[in-house]
């Protein structure tokens, strides 16, 4: 499990990105790069980290399911993810 402060920090960054999204778009459209540098660093969407919804882990993240590989395997084995079955051949 990731530390709570890391998860909360990422949520705070997501709020900041959403808050400044329209302004960033407008400044980019006008090519006002000085105005862009005046915005907070966390207003950039590249500062967000993909984190697992269950454990908060950021490495081994599967975008389609928004889970880490470990949480995905555990939930799939228990049949908690619809449409996912263990393959065999």
Protein backbone atom coordinates (compact mmCIF):
# COMPACT_ATOMS: atom_id res chain seq x y z
CA UNK A 1 0.00 0.00 0.00
CA UNK A 2 1.33 3.41 -0.95
CA UNK A 3 1.69 6.03 1.73
CA UNK A 4 -1.45 8.09 2.27
CA UNK A 5 0.40 11.37 1.71
CA UNK A 6 1.47 10.29 -1.81
CA UNK A 7 -2.11 9.42 -2.74
CA UNK A 8 -3.41 12.70 -1.29
CA UNK A 9 -0.69 14.68 -3.05
CA UNK A 10 -1.72 13.19 -6.39
CA UNK A 11 -5.38 14.06 -5.70
CA UNK A 12 -4.37 17.63 -4.89
CA UNK A 13 -2.39 17.83 -8.15
CA UNK A 14 -5.43 16.55 -10.07
CA UNK A 15 -7.57 19.34 -8.60
CA UNK A 16 -4.95 21.92 -9.57
CA UNK A 17 -4.77 20.57 -13.13
CA UNK A 18 -8.55 20.76 -13.44
CA UNK A 19 -8.61 24.29 -12.01
CA UNK A 20 -6.09 25.69 -14.50
CA UNK A 21 -6.99 23.57 -17.56
CA UNK A 22 -8.98 26.28 -19.38
CA UNK A 23 -6.42 28.98 -18.64
CA UNK A 24 -3.54 26.74 -19.80
CA UNK A 25 -5.40 25.97 -23.01
CA UNK A 26 -6.01 29.65 -23.66
CA UNK A 27 -2.38 30.62 -22.96
CA UNK A 28 -1.09 27.86 -25.24
CA UNK A 29 -3.46 28.99 -27.99
CA UNK A 30 -2.12 32.55 -27.70
CA UNK A 31 1.47 31.20 -27.47
CA UNK A 32 1.99 33.14 -24.24
CA UNK A 33 4.78 31.04 -22.79
CA UNK A 34 5.69 33.62 -20.17
CA UNK A 35 2.12 33.43 -18.86
CA UNK A 36 2.41 29.64 -18.75
CA UNK A 37 5.53 29.87 -16.61
CA UNK A 38 3.64 32.07 -14.13
CA UNK A 39 1.18 29.25 -13.40
CA UNK A 40 1.89 26.78 -10.59
CA UNK A 41 4.02 23.78 -11.51
CA UNK A 42 1.30 21.36 -10.48
CA UNK A 43 -1.05 22.90 -13.05
CA UNK A 44 0.69 20.83 -15.73
CA UNK A 45 -1.04 17.51 -16.50
CA UNK A 46 2.33 15.77 -16.90
CA UNK A 47 2.86 16.10 -13.15
CA UNK A 48 0.03 13.63 -12.47
CA UNK A 49 0.93 10.02 -11.76
CA UNK A 50 -1.25 7.04 -12.66
CA UNK A 51 -2.00 5.22 -9.42
CA UNK A 52 -3.86 1.99 -8.63
CA UNK A 53 -7.38 2.58 -7.31
CA UNK A 54 -6.98 -0.18 -4.73
CA UNK A 55 -3.42 0.02 -3.44
CA UNK A 56 -2.13 3.37 -4.68
CA UNK A 57 0.83 1.70 -6.36
CA UNK A 58 2.19 3.59 -9.37
CA UNK A 59 4.45 0.99 -10.95
CA UNK A 60 2.98 -1.85 -12.99
CA UNK A 61 -0.16 0.19 -13.70
CA UNK A 62 -2.74 -1.13 -16.21
CA UNK A 63 -4.59 1.85 -17.72
CA UNK A 64 -7.57 -0.13 -18.98
CA UNK A 65 -8.50 -1.30 -15.49
CA UNK A 66 -6.89 1.52 -13.45
CA UNK A 67 -5.25 -1.15 -11.28
CA UNK A 68 -1.71 -2.28 -10.58
CA UNK A 69 -0.64 -5.66 -11.91
CA UNK A 70 -0.79 -7.16 -8.42
CA UNK A 71 -4.29 -5.91 -7.60
CA UNK A 72 -5.47 -6.88 -11.09
CA UNK A 73 -4.25 -10.46 -10.75
CA UNK A 74 -5.75 -10.84 -7.29
CA UNK A 75 -9.14 -9.46 -8.33
CA UNK A 76 -9.19 -11.44 -11.59
CA UNK A 77 -8.42 -14.67 -9.71
CA UNK A 78 -11.36 -14.02 -7.40
CA UNK A 79 -13.63 -13.24 -10.36
CA UNK A 80 -14.21 -9.62 -9.34
CA UNK A 81 -13.43 -8.15 -12.78
CA UNK A 82 -16.19 -8.88 -15.31
CA UNK A 83 -15.07 -10.29 -18.64
CA UNK A 84 -11.60 -11.33 -17.47
CA UNK A 85 -10.77 -15.02 -17.43
CA UNK A 86 -7.55 -16.90 -16.96
CA UNK A 87 -6.30 -18.07 -20.31
CA UNK A 88 -5.35 -21.67 -20.97
CA UNK A 89 -4.16 -23.43 -24.11
